[in-house]
């Protein structure tokens, strides 16, 4: 797999920084399911791509750990101040848009079986069809959350060139592409 070409495509699609890491460096914990169940974001049980609908946590962690490599990328956004909730929400939406551009850019470069996860939940639709107990209306754009799949984003980024905290009055969002083995890419 040509990781330089893949990283270049991710940056060109709008990611601020990106690194390839061994799959063994992805830190996971079942405790993230409990955090999700606390429903701080309001998506628990209301979004097809978030817990509990995204799948059983043990199986998701096992799936995450099955990938030999991953491409982790981030975007850092400026805020008016540390209480700028609207700025954080705008930034989350923008990161989601960038992640979908990244998806379109990398899809032709990757073999079947990769998994692209987003920080904090799908957010593609204003209101998920789950709210009306209808099927996902845009499965080609749906992305599961890293945390919902048990990924500890902070500890996964710790030993990389990507910083989790990027200064006062900023917010940082991450996404990850879990890469299957394929020597032909």
N, C-alpha and C. Protein backbone atom coordinates (compact mmCIF):
# COMPACT_ATOMS: atom_id res chain seq x y z
N UNK A 1 0.85 -1.18 0.00
CA UNK A 1 0.00 0.00 0.00
C UNK A 1 0.90 1.24 0.00
N UNK A 2 0.58 2.18 -0.83
CA UNK A 2 1.36 3.40 -0.91
C UNK A 2 0.80 4.41 0.11
N UNK A 3 1.39 4.39 1.31
CA UNK A 3 0.89 5.23 2.40
C UNK A 3 1.14 6.72 2.13
N UNK A 4 2.21 7.04 1.43
CA UNK A 4 2.48 8.45 1.11
C UNK A 4 1.39 9.00 0.19
N UNK A 5 1.02 8.22 -0.81
CA UNK A 5 -0.03 8.63 -1.74
C UNK A 5 -1.37 8.76 -1.01
N UNK A 6 -1.64 7.84 -0.12
CA UNK A 6 -2.87 7.88 0.66
C UNK A 6 -2.92 9.11 1.57
N UNK A 7 -1.82 9.36 2.27
CA UNK A 7 -1.74 10.53 3.16
C UNK A 7 -1.89 11.82 2.36
N UNK A 8 -1.26 11.87 1.21
CA UNK A 8 -1.36 13.05 0.34
C UNK A 8 -2.81 13.29 -0.10
N UNK A 9 -3.53 12.22 -0.42
CA UNK A 9 -4.93 12.35 -0.83
C UNK A 9 -5.79 12.88 0.32
N UNK A 10 -5.50 12.44 1.53
CA UNK A 10 -6.26 12.88 2.71
C UNK A 10 -6.03 14.37 2.96
N UNK A 11 -4.78 14.80 2.86
CA UNK A 11 -4.45 16.23 3.06
C UNK A 11 -5.07 17.07 1.95
N UNK A 12 -4.97 16.60 0.73
CA UNK A 12 -5.52 17.33 -0.41
C UNK A 12 -7.04 17.48 -0.30
N UNK A 13 -7.69 16.51 0.34
CA UNK A 13 -9.15 16.55 0.53
C UNK A 13 -9.57 17.48 1.66
N UNK A 14 -8.60 17.99 2.43
CA UNK A 14 -8.94 18.98 3.44
C UNK A 14 -8.50 18.70 4.86
N UNK A 15 -7.92 17.55 5.12
CA UNK A 15 -7.44 17.28 6.48
C UNK A 15 -6.23 18.15 6.77
N UNK A 16 -6.11 18.60 8.02
CA UNK A 16 -4.99 19.45 8.40
C UNK A 16 -3.69 18.69 8.50
N UNK A 17 -3.73 17.53 9.12
CA UNK A 17 -2.56 16.66 9.30
C UNK A 17 -3.02 15.23 9.27
N UNK A 18 -2.11 14.32 8.89
CA UNK A 18 -2.44 12.90 8.85
C UNK A 18 -1.19 12.07 9.11
N UNK A 19 -1.36 10.94 9.78
CA UNK A 19 -0.27 10.00 10.01
C UNK A 19 -0.78 8.57 9.87
N UNK A 20 0.10 7.71 9.42
CA UNK A 20 -0.20 6.28 9.38
C UNK A 20 0.40 5.67 10.64
N UNK A 21 -0.39 4.87 11.33
CA UNK A 21 0.07 4.23 12.56
C UNK A 21 -0.18 2.72 12.48
N UNK A 22 0.60 1.94 13.21
CA UNK A 22 0.30 0.51 13.29
C UNK A 22 -1.03 0.31 14.01
N UNK A 23 -1.80 -0.67 13.58
CA UNK A 23 -3.07 -0.97 14.23
C UNK A 23 -2.90 -1.27 15.71
N UNK A 24 -1.75 -1.82 16.07
CA UNK A 24 -1.48 -2.16 17.47
C UNK A 24 -1.40 -0.92 18.37
N UNK A 25 -1.25 0.26 17.79
CA UNK A 25 -1.15 1.51 18.57
C UNK A 25 -2.54 2.14 18.84
N UNK A 26 -3.59 1.54 18.27
CA UNK A 26 -4.94 2.06 18.52
C UNK A 26 -5.37 1.57 19.89
N UNK A 27 -5.65 2.52 20.77
CA UNK A 27 -6.06 2.20 22.14
C UNK A 27 -7.58 2.11 22.18
N UNK A 28 -8.08 1.02 22.74
CA UNK A 28 -9.52 0.83 22.84
C UNK A 28 -9.94 0.57 24.28
N UNK A 29 -11.19 0.81 24.55
CA UNK A 29 -11.74 0.54 25.88
C UNK A 29 -13.25 0.41 25.79
N UNK A 30 -13.78 -0.61 26.44
CA UNK A 30 -15.23 -0.79 26.49
C UNK A 30 -15.90 0.33 27.28
N UNK A 31 -15.15 1.07 28.08
CA UNK A 31 -15.73 2.14 28.90
C UNK A 31 -16.34 3.25 28.05
N UNK A 32 -15.93 3.33 26.79
CA UNK A 32 -16.50 4.37 25.93
C UNK A 32 -17.97 4.13 25.66
N UNK A 33 -18.40 2.88 25.73
CA UNK A 33 -19.82 2.59 25.55
C UNK A 33 -20.63 3.20 26.70
N UNK A 34 -20.08 3.12 27.91
CA UNK A 34 -20.75 3.72 29.08
C UNK A 34 -20.81 5.24 28.93
N UNK A 35 -19.72 5.82 28.42
CA UNK A 35 -19.70 7.27 28.19
C UNK A 35 -20.77 7.64 27.17
N UNK A 36 -20.86 6.86 26.09
CA UNK A 36 -21.88 7.10 25.07
C UNK A 36 -23.28 6.97 25.68
N UNK A 37 -23.48 5.99 26.53
CA UNK A 37 -24.80 5.77 27.14
C UNK A 37 -25.20 6.96 28.01
N UNK A 38 -24.24 7.73 28.50
CA UNK A 38 -24.53 8.94 29.26
C UNK A 38 -25.22 9.99 28.40
N UNK A 39 -25.14 9.84 27.09
CA UNK A 39 -25.85 10.64 26.10
C UNK A 39 -25.56 12.14 26.16
N UNK A 40 -24.33 12.50 26.44
CA UNK A 40 -23.94 13.91 26.46
C UNK A 40 -24.15 14.60 25.12
N UNK A 41 -24.05 13.85 24.03
CA UNK A 41 -24.21 14.44 22.69
C UNK A 41 -25.65 14.37 22.19
N UNK A 42 -26.48 13.57 22.85
CA UNK A 42 -27.88 13.44 22.44
C UNK A 42 -28.12 12.46 21.32
N UNK A 43 -27.10 11.69 20.92
CA UNK A 43 -27.27 10.76 19.79
C UNK A 43 -27.46 9.30 20.22
N UNK A 44 -27.24 9.01 21.49
CA UNK A 44 -27.36 7.62 21.95
C UNK A 44 -28.78 7.11 21.71
N UNK A 45 -28.90 6.04 20.94
CA UNK A 45 -30.21 5.47 20.62
C UNK A 45 -31.01 6.29 19.64
N UNK A 46 -30.41 7.36 19.11
CA UNK A 46 -31.12 8.24 18.17
C UNK A 46 -30.42 8.36 16.82
N UNK A 47 -29.36 7.61 16.64
CA UNK A 47 -28.58 7.66 15.40
C UNK A 47 -28.13 6.25 15.05
N UNK A 48 -28.36 5.85 13.82
CA UNK A 48 -27.99 4.50 13.39
C UNK A 48 -26.48 4.25 13.51
N UNK A 49 -25.68 5.28 13.43
CA UNK A 49 -24.23 5.11 13.45
C UNK A 49 -23.62 5.27 14.85
N UNK A 50 -24.46 5.43 15.86
CA UNK A 50 -24.00 5.56 17.25
C UNK A 50 -24.54 4.41 18.08
N UNK A 51 -23.97 4.21 19.25
CA UNK A 51 -24.48 3.17 20.15
C UNK A 51 -25.93 3.45 20.53
N UNK A 52 -26.67 2.42 20.82
CA UNK A 52 -26.30 1.02 20.78
C UNK A 52 -26.45 0.40 19.39
N UNK A 53 -26.98 1.16 18.42
CA UNK A 53 -27.30 0.61 17.10
C UNK A 53 -26.09 0.28 16.23
N UNK A 54 -24.95 0.87 16.52
CA UNK A 54 -23.76 0.64 15.71
C UNK A 54 -23.20 -0.77 15.90
N UNK A 55 -23.54 -1.41 17.01
CA UNK A 55 -23.09 -2.79 17.24
C UNK A 55 -22.64 -3.02 18.67
N UNK A 56 -22.37 -4.27 18.96
CA UNK A 56 -21.94 -4.67 20.30
C UNK A 56 -20.48 -4.24 20.48
N UNK A 57 -20.17 -3.61 21.60
CA UNK A 57 -18.86 -3.00 21.81
C UNK A 57 -17.70 -3.99 21.72
N UNK A 58 -17.84 -5.16 22.29
CA UNK A 58 -16.76 -6.16 22.22
C UNK A 58 -16.44 -6.55 20.79
N UNK A 59 -17.48 -6.74 19.99
CA UNK A 59 -17.28 -7.10 18.58
C UNK A 59 -16.67 -5.95 17.80
N UNK A 60 -17.09 -4.73 18.11
CA UNK A 60 -16.52 -3.56 17.42
C UNK A 60 -15.04 -3.39 17.75
N UNK A 61 -14.69 -3.55 19.02
CA UNK A 61 -13.28 -3.45 19.41
C UNK A 61 -12.46 -4.54 18.74
N UNK A 62 -13.00 -5.74 18.68
CA UNK A 62 -12.31 -6.85 18.01
C UNK A 62 -12.10 -6.52 16.53
N UNK A 63 -13.10 -5.93 15.90
CA UNK A 63 -12.97 -5.53 14.49
C UNK A 63 -11.89 -4.46 14.33
N UNK A 64 -11.90 -3.45 15.20
CA UNK A 64 -10.89 -2.37 15.14
C UNK A 64 -9.50 -2.97 15.27
N UNK A 65 -9.31 -3.90 16.20
CA UNK A 65 -8.00 -4.50 16.45
C UNK A 65 -7.54 -5.43 15.33
N UNK A 66 -8.45 -5.79 14.43
CA UNK A 66 -8.08 -6.70 13.34
C UNK A 66 -7.34 -6.01 12.20
N UNK A 67 -7.32 -4.67 12.19
CA UNK A 67 -6.67 -3.95 11.10
C UNK A 67 -5.19 -3.73 11.41
N UNK A 68 -4.31 -4.07 10.47
CA UNK A 68 -2.87 -3.94 10.73
C UNK A 68 -2.34 -2.51 10.73
N UNK A 69 -3.01 -1.61 10.04
CA UNK A 69 -2.57 -0.21 9.95
C UNK A 69 -3.79 0.70 9.97
N UNK A 70 -3.52 1.97 10.27
CA UNK A 70 -4.60 2.96 10.24
C UNK A 70 -4.02 4.30 9.82
N UNK A 71 -4.83 5.09 9.17
CA UNK A 71 -4.47 6.46 8.85
C UNK A 71 -5.35 7.35 9.73
N UNK A 72 -4.69 8.07 10.61
CA UNK A 72 -5.37 8.96 11.56
C UNK A 72 -5.19 10.38 11.05
N UNK A 73 -6.27 11.15 10.99
CA UNK A 73 -6.13 12.54 10.56
C UNK A 73 -6.93 13.47 11.45
N UNK A 74 -6.54 14.75 11.39
CA UNK A 74 -7.14 15.75 12.27
C UNK A 74 -7.37 17.07 11.56
N UNK A 75 -8.26 17.84 12.15
CA UNK A 75 -8.46 19.24 11.78
C UNK A 75 -8.54 20.05 13.06
N UNK A 76 -7.84 21.16 13.09
CA UNK A 76 -7.84 22.07 14.23
C UNK A 76 -8.58 23.33 13.81
N UNK A 77 -9.53 23.75 14.63
CA UNK A 77 -10.36 24.91 14.31
C UNK A 77 -10.21 25.96 15.41
N UNK A 78 -10.21 27.22 14.99
CA UNK A 78 -10.15 28.35 15.93
C UNK A 78 -11.54 28.61 16.50
N UNK A 79 -11.58 28.99 17.76
CA UNK A 79 -12.82 29.36 18.44
C UNK A 79 -12.70 30.79 18.94
N UNK A 80 -13.82 31.44 19.21
CA UNK A 80 -13.79 32.79 19.80
C UNK A 80 -13.20 32.73 21.19
N UNK A 81 -13.62 31.72 21.96
CA UNK A 81 -13.09 31.48 23.30
C UNK A 81 -13.44 30.05 23.69
N UNK A 82 -13.05 29.62 24.87
CA UNK A 82 -13.25 28.23 25.26
C UNK A 82 -14.71 27.89 25.55
N UNK A 83 -15.59 28.89 25.53
CA UNK A 83 -17.02 28.66 25.76
C UNK A 83 -17.83 28.80 24.46
N UNK A 84 -17.16 28.83 23.33
CA UNK A 84 -17.80 29.03 22.02
C UNK A 84 -18.43 27.72 21.54
N UNK A 85 -19.58 27.37 22.12
CA UNK A 85 -20.27 26.12 21.78
C UNK A 85 -20.70 26.12 20.32
N UNK A 86 -21.21 27.24 19.83
CA UNK A 86 -21.63 27.32 18.43
C UNK A 86 -20.44 27.10 17.50
N UNK A 87 -19.29 27.65 17.86
CA UNK A 87 -18.08 27.43 17.07
C UNK A 87 -17.66 25.98 17.07
N UNK A 88 -17.80 25.32 18.20
CA UNK A 88 -17.48 23.89 18.30
C UNK A 88 -18.42 23.08 17.41
N UNK A 89 -19.70 23.42 17.44
CA UNK A 89 -20.69 22.71 16.61
C UNK A 89 -20.42 22.93 15.12
N UNK A 90 -20.10 24.17 14.74
CA UNK A 90 -19.76 24.47 13.34
C UNK A 90 -18.52 23.69 12.92
N UNK A 91 -17.54 23.64 13.82
CA UNK A 91 -16.29 22.92 13.53
C UNK A 91 -16.54 21.43 13.37
N UNK A 92 -17.38 20.87 14.21
CA UNK A 92 -17.72 19.44 14.10
C UNK A 92 -18.38 19.16 12.75
N UNK A 93 -19.28 20.04 12.35
CA UNK A 93 -19.97 19.87 11.06
C UNK A 93 -18.97 19.98 9.91
N UNK A 94 -18.07 20.96 9.99
CA UNK A 94 -17.07 21.14 8.95
C UNK A 94 -16.13 19.93 8.89
N UNK A 95 -15.73 19.41 10.05
CA UNK A 95 -14.88 18.22 10.05
C UNK A 95 -15.61 17.04 9.40
N UNK A 96 -16.91 16.93 9.65
CA UNK A 96 -17.70 15.88 9.01
C UNK A 96 -17.71 16.03 7.50
N UNK A 97 -17.85 17.26 7.02
CA UNK A 97 -17.83 17.52 5.57
C UNK A 97 -16.48 17.16 4.99
N UNK A 98 -15.41 17.51 5.70
CA UNK A 98 -14.05 17.18 5.24
C UNK A 98 -13.87 15.67 5.22
N UNK A 99 -14.36 14.99 6.25
CA UNK A 99 -14.23 13.53 6.32
C UNK A 99 -14.93 12.86 5.14
N UNK A 100 -16.04 13.41 4.70
CA UNK A 100 -16.74 12.83 3.55
C UNK A 100 -15.99 13.13 2.25
N UNK A 101 -15.31 14.28 2.17
CA UNK A 101 -14.44 14.55 1.02
C UNK A 101 -13.26 13.59 1.03
N UNK A 102 -12.71 13.34 2.23
CA UNK A 102 -11.61 12.37 2.36
C UNK A 102 -12.09 11.00 1.88
N UNK A 103 -13.28 10.61 2.29
CA UNK A 103 -13.83 9.31 1.87
C UNK A 103 -13.85 9.18 0.36
N UNK A 104 -14.33 10.22 -0.32
CA UNK A 104 -14.39 10.18 -1.79
C UNK A 104 -12.99 10.11 -2.40
N UNK A 105 -12.03 10.79 -1.76
CA UNK A 105 -10.67 10.81 -2.29
C UNK A 105 -9.94 9.47 -2.10
N UNK A 106 -10.18 8.80 -0.98
CA UNK A 106 -9.42 7.58 -0.70
C UNK A 106 -10.08 6.31 -1.21
N UNK A 107 -11.37 6.35 -1.42
CA UNK A 107 -12.09 5.13 -1.83
C UNK A 107 -11.45 4.45 -3.05
N UNK A 108 -11.08 5.20 -4.09
CA UNK A 108 -10.46 4.53 -5.24
C UNK A 108 -9.05 4.00 -4.96
N UNK A 109 -8.43 4.47 -3.88
CA UNK A 109 -7.06 4.07 -3.57
C UNK A 109 -6.98 2.85 -2.65
N UNK A 110 -8.12 2.48 -2.06
CA UNK A 110 -8.12 1.45 -1.03
C UNK A 110 -8.82 0.17 -1.47
N UNK A 111 -8.35 -0.95 -0.94
CA UNK A 111 -9.03 -2.22 -1.23
C UNK A 111 -10.33 -2.31 -0.44
N UNK A 112 -11.17 -3.26 -0.81
CA UNK A 112 -12.39 -3.52 -0.05
C UNK A 112 -12.02 -3.84 1.40
N UNK A 113 -12.91 -3.52 2.30
CA UNK A 113 -12.71 -3.93 3.68
C UNK A 113 -12.11 -2.88 4.60
N UNK A 114 -11.83 -1.68 4.11
CA UNK A 114 -11.34 -0.64 5.02
C UNK A 114 -12.53 -0.09 5.80
N UNK A 115 -12.25 0.61 6.90
CA UNK A 115 -13.31 1.17 7.73
C UNK A 115 -12.94 2.60 8.10
N UNK A 116 -13.81 3.53 7.77
CA UNK A 116 -13.59 4.96 8.01
C UNK A 116 -14.51 5.40 9.13
N UNK A 117 -13.94 5.85 10.23
CA UNK A 117 -14.70 6.28 11.40
C UNK A 117 -14.46 7.76 11.66
N UNK A 118 -15.47 8.42 12.22
CA UNK A 118 -15.41 9.85 12.47
C UNK A 118 -15.44 10.13 13.97
N UNK A 119 -14.92 11.26 14.34
CA UNK A 119 -14.90 11.70 15.74
C UNK A 119 -16.29 12.18 16.16
N UNK A 120 -16.85 11.55 17.17
CA UNK A 120 -18.07 12.06 17.79
C UNK A 120 -19.40 11.70 17.17
N UNK A 121 -19.44 11.00 16.09
CA UNK A 121 -20.72 10.57 15.53
C UNK A 121 -20.95 11.07 14.12
N UNK A 122 -21.86 10.43 13.44
CA UNK A 122 -22.11 10.65 12.02
C UNK A 122 -22.41 12.11 11.70
N UNK A 123 -23.56 12.61 12.13
CA UNK A 123 -23.91 14.00 11.89
C UNK A 123 -24.18 14.39 10.45
N UNK A 124 -24.29 13.43 9.54
CA UNK A 124 -24.52 13.79 8.14
C UNK A 124 -25.89 14.44 7.94
N UNK A 125 -26.91 13.81 8.52
CA UNK A 125 -28.26 14.34 8.41
C UNK A 125 -28.55 15.27 9.59
N UNK A 126 -29.34 16.27 9.35
CA UNK A 126 -29.75 17.17 10.43
C UNK A 126 -30.40 16.38 11.55
N UNK A 127 -31.32 15.48 11.18
CA UNK A 127 -31.95 14.55 12.11
C UNK A 127 -31.86 13.16 11.51
N UNK A 128 -31.29 12.23 12.24
CA UNK A 128 -31.14 10.86 11.74
C UNK A 128 -32.52 10.23 11.56
N UNK A 129 -32.66 9.41 10.53
CA UNK A 129 -33.91 8.71 10.25
C UNK A 129 -34.29 7.78 11.41
N UNK A 130 -33.32 7.43 12.24
CA UNK A 130 -33.57 6.59 13.41
C UNK A 130 -34.63 7.23 14.32
N UNK A 131 -34.68 8.55 14.37
CA UNK A 131 -35.65 9.26 15.21
C UNK A 131 -37.09 8.88 14.85
N UNK A 132 -37.32 8.53 13.57
CA UNK A 132 -38.65 8.11 13.12
C UNK A 132 -38.68 6.62 12.85
N UNK A 133 -37.67 5.91 13.35
CA UNK A 133 -37.53 4.47 13.18
C UNK A 133 -37.57 4.05 11.71
N UNK A 134 -36.92 4.88 10.88
CA UNK A 134 -36.80 4.58 9.45
C UNK A 134 -35.36 4.20 9.17
N UNK A 135 -35.11 3.48 8.08
CA UNK A 135 -33.73 3.13 7.73
C UNK A 135 -32.92 4.37 7.37
N UNK A 136 -31.61 4.24 7.47
CA UNK A 136 -30.69 5.33 7.10
C UNK A 136 -31.00 5.77 5.66
N UNK A 137 -31.14 7.08 5.47
CA UNK A 137 -31.48 7.59 4.13
C UNK A 137 -30.25 7.85 3.26
N UNK A 138 -29.05 7.78 3.87
CA UNK A 138 -27.84 8.05 3.10
C UNK A 138 -26.69 7.14 3.57
N UNK A 139 -26.85 5.82 3.42
CA UNK A 139 -25.82 4.90 3.92
C UNK A 139 -24.44 5.12 3.30
N UNK A 140 -24.40 5.67 2.09
CA UNK A 140 -23.11 5.93 1.45
C UNK A 140 -22.36 7.07 2.13
N UNK A 141 -23.06 7.89 2.91
CA UNK A 141 -22.43 8.98 3.64
C UNK A 141 -22.35 8.76 5.15
N UNK A 142 -22.99 7.70 5.62
CA UNK A 142 -23.03 7.41 7.06
C UNK A 142 -21.65 6.98 7.56
N UNK A 143 -21.26 7.49 8.72
CA UNK A 143 -19.97 7.14 9.32
C UNK A 143 -20.17 6.91 10.81
N UNK A 144 -19.69 5.78 11.29
CA UNK A 144 -19.78 5.47 12.72
C UNK A 144 -18.73 6.28 13.48
N UNK A 145 -18.99 6.43 14.77
CA UNK A 145 -18.08 7.20 15.61
C UNK A 145 -16.92 6.35 16.12
N UNK A 146 -15.76 6.98 16.19
CA UNK A 146 -14.57 6.31 16.73
C UNK A 146 -14.84 5.85 18.15
N UNK A 147 -15.39 6.74 18.97
CA UNK A 147 -15.64 6.44 20.37
C UNK A 147 -16.71 5.36 20.51
N UNK A 148 -17.73 5.39 19.66
CA UNK A 148 -18.78 4.37 19.68
C UNK A 148 -18.25 2.99 19.37
N UNK A 149 -17.12 2.94 18.65
CA UNK A 149 -16.46 1.66 18.35
C UNK A 149 -15.37 1.34 19.38
N UNK A 150 -15.31 2.13 20.45
CA UNK A 150 -14.39 1.85 21.56
C UNK A 150 -13.01 2.45 21.44
N UNK A 151 -12.78 3.34 20.47
CA UNK A 151 -11.45 3.93 20.30
C UNK A 151 -11.25 5.09 21.28
N UNK A 152 -10.17 5.02 22.02
CA UNK A 152 -9.73 6.08 22.93
C UNK A 152 -8.88 7.04 22.11
N UNK A 153 -9.49 8.09 21.61
CA UNK A 153 -8.83 9.01 20.68
C UNK A 153 -7.62 9.67 21.35
N UNK A 154 -7.78 10.13 22.57
CA UNK A 154 -6.68 10.82 23.27
C UNK A 154 -5.44 9.93 23.35
N UNK A 155 -5.60 8.72 23.85
CA UNK A 155 -4.44 7.84 24.01
C UNK A 155 -3.93 7.27 22.70
N UNK A 156 -4.78 7.20 21.69
CA UNK A 156 -4.33 6.75 20.37
C UNK A 156 -3.44 7.81 19.72
N UNK A 157 -3.75 9.07 19.94
CA UNK A 157 -2.97 10.15 19.32
C UNK A 157 -1.70 10.48 20.11
N UNK A 158 -1.63 10.03 21.34
CA UNK A 158 -0.56 10.42 22.27
C UNK A 158 0.86 10.30 21.70
N UNK A 159 1.19 9.20 21.06
CA UNK A 159 2.55 8.99 20.57
C UNK A 159 2.68 9.23 19.07
N UNK A 160 1.86 10.14 18.55
CA UNK A 160 1.93 10.48 17.13
C UNK A 160 2.32 11.95 16.97
N UNK A 161 2.44 12.38 15.73
CA UNK A 161 2.72 13.79 15.45
C UNK A 161 1.46 14.65 15.53
N UNK A 162 0.32 14.04 15.82
CA UNK A 162 -0.93 14.78 15.94
C UNK A 162 -1.18 15.09 17.41
N UNK A 163 -1.42 16.36 17.70
CA UNK A 163 -1.68 16.75 19.09
C UNK A 163 -3.18 16.75 19.33
N UNK A 164 -3.56 16.28 20.50
CA UNK A 164 -4.97 16.25 20.89
C UNK A 164 -5.44 17.64 21.30
N UNK A 165 -4.58 18.37 21.98
CA UNK A 165 -4.87 19.75 22.39
C UNK A 165 -3.92 20.66 21.62
N UNK A 166 -4.48 21.65 20.93
CA UNK A 166 -3.69 22.49 20.03
C UNK A 166 -3.73 23.96 20.40
N UNK A 167 -3.84 24.25 21.67
CA UNK A 167 -3.76 25.63 22.12
C UNK A 167 -5.10 26.19 22.57
N UNK A 168 -4.99 27.28 23.24
CA UNK A 168 -6.17 27.98 23.76
C UNK A 168 -7.07 28.41 22.61
N UNK A 169 -8.35 28.34 22.84
CA UNK A 169 -9.36 28.78 21.88
C UNK A 169 -9.31 28.01 20.56
N UNK A 170 -9.05 26.71 20.67
CA UNK A 170 -9.11 25.83 19.51
C UNK A 170 -9.89 24.57 19.90
N UNK A 171 -10.38 23.88 18.89
CA UNK A 171 -10.98 22.56 19.08
C UNK A 171 -10.42 21.67 17.98
N UNK A 172 -10.13 20.43 18.32
CA UNK A 172 -9.53 19.49 17.39
C UNK A 172 -10.44 18.30 17.19
N UNK A 173 -10.66 17.92 15.94
CA UNK A 173 -11.45 16.74 15.61
C UNK A 173 -10.59 15.76 14.83
N UNK A 174 -10.83 14.48 15.05
CA UNK A 174 -10.07 13.41 14.42
C UNK A 174 -11.01 12.47 13.67
N UNK A 175 -10.46 11.79 12.69
CA UNK A 175 -11.10 10.66 12.03
C UNK A 175 -10.01 9.63 11.80
N UNK A 176 -10.42 8.40 11.53
CA UNK A 176 -9.45 7.33 11.31
C UNK A 176 -9.94 6.42 10.19
N UNK A 177 -9.01 6.00 9.37
CA UNK A 177 -9.31 5.02 8.33
C UNK A 177 -8.52 3.77 8.69
N UNK A 178 -9.24 2.71 9.02
CA UNK A 178 -8.62 1.44 9.38
C UNK A 178 -8.33 0.68 8.09
N UNK A 179 -7.08 0.30 7.92
CA UNK A 179 -6.59 -0.21 6.64
C UNK A 179 -6.34 -1.72 6.67
N UNK A 180 -6.98 -2.45 5.76
CA UNK A 180 -6.70 -3.88 5.66
C UNK A 180 -5.37 -4.10 4.96
N UNK A 181 -4.85 -5.30 5.04
CA UNK A 181 -3.61 -5.61 4.33
C UNK A 181 -3.88 -5.73 2.86
N UNK A 182 -3.06 -5.08 2.07
CA UNK A 182 -3.17 -5.20 0.63
C UNK A 182 -1.88 -4.66 0.02
N UNK A 183 -1.09 -5.52 -0.54
CA UNK A 183 0.20 -5.11 -1.12
C UNK A 183 0.05 -4.54 -2.52
N UNK A 184 -1.15 -4.54 -3.05
CA UNK A 184 -1.35 -4.09 -4.44
C UNK A 184 -1.76 -2.63 -4.55
N UNK A 185 -1.87 -1.93 -3.44
CA UNK A 185 -2.33 -0.54 -3.51
C UNK A 185 -1.15 0.39 -3.39
